[in-house]
Amino acid sequence: MTVDAPQPFSKPDADYFCRLRIEGLQPAPIIIQTTGTEPAQALMSGLTEISARLSVSLSDFLSEARIGGDLAPAVG
């Protein structure tokens, strides 16, 4: 699954949208776009939609989630 960072709509005072992509469940990827008045709300709406489509609770869905790539500390 890929979750894009929430982005503002083209107008500066507009709401935010978040795109999520699920691969491997169907022949074509499932793409969902959700909105919110703030970036966190757009993201949460997307995660809630995904957990509903997968018929799992949001806490179970996120139980083994990792954010970003390799988060190992940089060696100086």
N, C-alpha and C. Protein backbone atom coordinates (compact mmCIF):
# COMPACT_ATOMS: atom_id res chain seq x y z
N MET A 1 0.84 -1.17 0.00
CA MET A 1 0.00 0.00 0.00
C MET A 1 0.89 1.23 0.00
N THR A 2 0.48 2.21 -0.75
CA THR A 2 1.18 3.49 -0.81
C THR A 2 0.23 4.58 -0.35
N VAL A 3 0.73 5.43 0.53
CA VAL A 3 -0.06 6.57 1.02
C VAL A 3 0.72 7.83 0.67
N ASP A 4 0.15 8.66 -0.16
CA ASP A 4 0.79 9.93 -0.49
C ASP A 4 0.58 10.92 0.65
N ALA A 5 1.49 11.85 0.79
CA ALA A 5 1.34 12.90 1.79
C ALA A 5 0.14 13.77 1.40
N PRO A 6 -0.66 14.18 2.38
CA PRO A 6 -1.79 15.07 2.06
C PRO A 6 -1.29 16.35 1.38
N GLN A 7 -2.05 16.78 0.38
CA GLN A 7 -1.70 17.96 -0.40
C GLN A 7 -2.87 18.93 -0.41
N PRO A 8 -2.59 20.24 -0.46
CA PRO A 8 -3.70 21.19 -0.59
C PRO A 8 -4.24 21.16 -2.02
N PHE A 9 -5.54 21.43 -2.15
CA PHE A 9 -6.09 21.62 -3.48
C PHE A 9 -5.43 22.87 -4.07
N SER A 10 -5.66 23.15 -5.33
CA SER A 10 -4.92 24.21 -6.02
C SER A 10 -5.12 25.60 -5.42
N LYS A 11 -6.26 25.87 -4.80
CA LYS A 11 -6.47 27.19 -4.19
C LYS A 11 -5.80 27.23 -2.81
N PRO A 12 -5.18 28.32 -2.44
CA PRO A 12 -4.48 28.39 -1.15
C PRO A 12 -5.37 28.19 0.07
N ASP A 13 -6.63 28.56 -0.01
CA ASP A 13 -7.52 28.46 1.14
C ASP A 13 -8.40 27.20 1.08
N ALA A 14 -8.07 26.29 0.18
CA ALA A 14 -8.91 25.10 -0.02
C ALA A 14 -8.53 23.99 0.94
N ASP A 15 -9.36 22.96 0.96
CA ASP A 15 -9.11 21.79 1.80
C ASP A 15 -7.95 20.97 1.24
N TYR A 16 -7.69 19.85 1.90
CA TYR A 16 -6.59 18.95 1.52
C TYR A 16 -7.14 17.64 0.98
N PHE A 17 -6.32 16.96 0.17
CA PHE A 17 -6.68 15.64 -0.30
C PHE A 17 -5.52 14.69 -0.06
N CYS A 18 -5.83 13.41 0.03
CA CYS A 18 -4.83 12.38 0.25
C CYS A 18 -5.15 11.20 -0.66
N ARG A 19 -4.16 10.73 -1.41
CA ARG A 19 -4.36 9.56 -2.28
C ARG A 19 -3.72 8.34 -1.65
N LEU A 20 -4.43 7.23 -1.72
CA LEU A 20 -3.95 5.96 -1.21
C LEU A 20 -4.09 4.92 -2.32
N ARG A 21 -3.14 4.02 -2.40
CA ARG A 21 -3.14 3.01 -3.46
C ARG A 21 -2.89 1.65 -2.83
N ILE A 22 -3.79 0.69 -3.12
CA ILE A 22 -3.64 -0.68 -2.62
C ILE A 22 -3.37 -1.57 -3.82
N GLU A 23 -2.29 -2.33 -3.74
CA GLU A 23 -1.94 -3.23 -4.83
C GLU A 23 -2.02 -4.67 -4.35
N GLY A 24 -2.35 -5.58 -5.27
CA GLY A 24 -2.34 -7.00 -4.97
C GLY A 24 -3.67 -7.61 -4.58
N LEU A 25 -4.69 -6.82 -4.39
CA LEU A 25 -6.00 -7.38 -4.04
C LEU A 25 -6.84 -7.67 -5.27
N GLN A 26 -6.61 -6.91 -6.33
CA GLN A 26 -7.34 -7.06 -7.58
C GLN A 26 -6.32 -6.94 -8.71
N PRO A 27 -6.70 -7.29 -9.93
CA PRO A 27 -5.75 -7.15 -11.04
C PRO A 27 -5.21 -5.72 -11.18
N ALA A 28 -6.06 -4.73 -11.00
CA ALA A 28 -5.63 -3.34 -11.08
C ALA A 28 -5.58 -2.76 -9.66
N PRO A 29 -4.67 -1.82 -9.43
CA PRO A 29 -4.61 -1.20 -8.10
C PRO A 29 -5.91 -0.48 -7.74
N ILE A 30 -6.22 -0.45 -6.46
CA ILE A 30 -7.36 0.31 -5.95
C ILE A 30 -6.81 1.67 -5.54
N ILE A 31 -7.36 2.72 -6.09
CA ILE A 31 -6.91 4.07 -5.76
C ILE A 31 -8.05 4.81 -5.09
N ILE A 32 -7.76 5.36 -3.93
CA ILE A 32 -8.75 6.08 -3.13
C ILE A 32 -8.23 7.49 -2.91
N GLN A 33 -9.10 8.47 -3.04
CA GLN A 33 -8.73 9.84 -2.71
C GLN A 33 -9.73 10.35 -1.68
N THR A 34 -9.22 10.82 -0.56
CA THR A 34 -10.08 11.37 0.49
C THR A 34 -9.71 12.83 0.72
N THR A 35 -10.61 13.54 1.39
CA THR A 35 -10.38 14.96 1.64
C THR A 35 -10.57 15.28 3.12
N GLY A 36 -10.10 16.43 3.50
CA GLY A 36 -10.28 16.91 4.85
C GLY A 36 -9.95 18.39 4.92
N THR A 37 -10.37 19.04 5.98
CA THR A 37 -10.09 20.47 6.12
C THR A 37 -8.65 20.71 6.56
N GLU A 38 -8.00 19.67 7.08
CA GLU A 38 -6.60 19.73 7.50
C GLU A 38 -5.89 18.50 6.95
N PRO A 39 -4.56 18.54 6.80
CA PRO A 39 -3.84 17.38 6.28
C PRO A 39 -4.09 16.09 7.08
N ALA A 40 -4.07 16.19 8.41
CA ALA A 40 -4.28 14.99 9.24
C ALA A 40 -5.67 14.40 9.03
N GLN A 41 -6.66 15.25 8.84
CA GLN A 41 -8.02 14.76 8.63
C GLN A 41 -8.13 14.03 7.29
N ALA A 42 -7.48 14.55 6.25
CA ALA A 42 -7.49 13.88 4.95
C ALA A 42 -6.82 12.51 5.04
N LEU A 43 -5.70 12.45 5.75
CA LEU A 43 -4.99 11.18 5.93
C LEU A 43 -5.83 10.19 6.73
N MET A 44 -6.40 10.63 7.83
CA MET A 44 -7.20 9.75 8.67
C MET A 44 -8.42 9.23 7.92
N SER A 45 -9.03 10.07 7.12
CA SER A 45 -10.18 9.62 6.32
C SER A 45 -9.77 8.50 5.36
N GLY A 46 -8.59 8.64 4.77
CA GLY A 46 -8.10 7.61 3.86
C GLY A 46 -7.81 6.30 4.57
N LEU A 47 -7.16 6.37 5.71
CA LEU A 47 -6.85 5.15 6.46
C LEU A 47 -8.13 4.47 6.95
N THR A 48 -9.11 5.25 7.36
CA THR A 48 -10.38 4.70 7.79
C THR A 48 -11.09 4.00 6.63
N GLU A 49 -11.05 4.62 5.45
CA GLU A 49 -11.66 4.03 4.26
C GLU A 49 -10.98 2.70 3.90
N ILE A 50 -9.67 2.66 3.96
CA ILE A 50 -8.93 1.43 3.65
C ILE A 50 -9.29 0.33 4.64
N SER A 51 -9.29 0.63 5.93
CA SER A 51 -9.60 -0.40 6.92
C SER A 51 -11.02 -0.92 6.74
N ALA A 52 -11.95 -0.05 6.35
CA ALA A 52 -13.33 -0.50 6.10
C ALA A 52 -13.39 -1.42 4.89
N ARG A 53 -12.68 -1.07 3.83
CA ARG A 53 -12.68 -1.92 2.63
C ARG A 53 -12.05 -3.28 2.89
N LEU A 54 -11.08 -3.32 3.81
CA LEU A 54 -10.42 -4.58 4.13
C LEU A 54 -11.12 -5.33 5.26
N SER A 55 -12.15 -4.75 5.82
CA SER A 55 -12.93 -5.34 6.93
C SER A 55 -12.06 -5.66 8.15
N VAL A 56 -11.19 -4.73 8.50
CA VAL A 56 -10.38 -4.85 9.71
C VAL A 56 -10.48 -3.53 10.48
N SER A 57 -10.25 -3.60 11.78
CA SER A 57 -10.28 -2.37 12.56
C SER A 57 -9.05 -1.53 12.19
N LEU A 58 -9.16 -0.25 12.38
CA LEU A 58 -8.04 0.64 12.07
C LEU A 58 -6.83 0.30 12.92
N SER A 59 -7.03 -0.03 14.20
CA SER A 59 -5.89 -0.36 15.06
C SER A 59 -5.20 -1.64 14.59
N ASP A 60 -5.97 -2.66 14.15
CA ASP A 60 -5.35 -3.87 13.62
C ASP A 60 -4.62 -3.58 12.31
N PHE A 61 -5.22 -2.77 11.48
CA PHE A 61 -4.62 -2.43 10.20
C PHE A 61 -3.27 -1.73 10.40
N LEU A 62 -3.18 -0.86 11.40
CA LEU A 62 -1.95 -0.09 11.62
C LEU A 62 -0.98 -0.75 12.60
N SER A 63 -1.33 -1.92 13.11
CA SER A 63 -0.52 -2.52 14.18
C SER A 63 0.93 -2.76 13.79
N GLU A 64 1.21 -3.04 12.53
CA GLU A 64 2.59 -3.29 12.11
C GLU A 64 3.04 -2.27 11.06
N ALA A 65 2.40 -1.12 11.05
CA ALA A 65 2.73 -0.10 10.05
C ALA A 65 4.12 0.49 10.32
N ARG A 66 4.77 0.85 9.24
CA ARG A 66 6.06 1.54 9.30
C ARG A 66 5.96 2.77 8.43
N ILE A 67 6.50 3.84 8.92
CA ILE A 67 6.45 5.09 8.19
C ILE A 67 7.82 5.36 7.60
N GLY A 68 7.85 5.65 6.32
CA GLY A 68 9.11 5.96 5.65
C GLY A 68 9.90 4.72 5.31
N GLY A 69 11.10 4.95 4.89
CA GLY A 69 11.99 3.85 4.52
C GLY A 69 12.85 3.46 5.69
N ASP A 70 14.13 3.36 5.44
CA ASP A 70 15.10 2.96 6.46
C ASP A 70 15.27 4.10 7.45
N LEU A 71 14.83 3.89 8.68
CA LEU A 71 14.91 4.95 9.70
C LEU A 71 16.11 4.76 10.62
N ALA A 72 17.10 4.00 10.16
CA ALA A 72 18.31 3.81 10.96
C ALA A 72 19.02 5.15 11.10
N PRO A 73 19.64 5.38 12.27
CA PRO A 73 20.33 6.66 12.45
C PRO A 73 21.50 6.80 11.47
N ALA A 74 21.69 8.02 11.02
CA ALA A 74 22.81 8.28 10.12
C ALA A 74 24.12 8.16 10.87
N VAL A 75 25.08 7.57 10.22
CA VAL A 75 26.41 7.43 10.83
C VAL A 75 27.25 8.58 10.35
N GLY A 76 27.81 9.35 11.30
CA GLY A 76 28.54 10.57 11.00
C GLY A 76 29.83 10.34 10.39
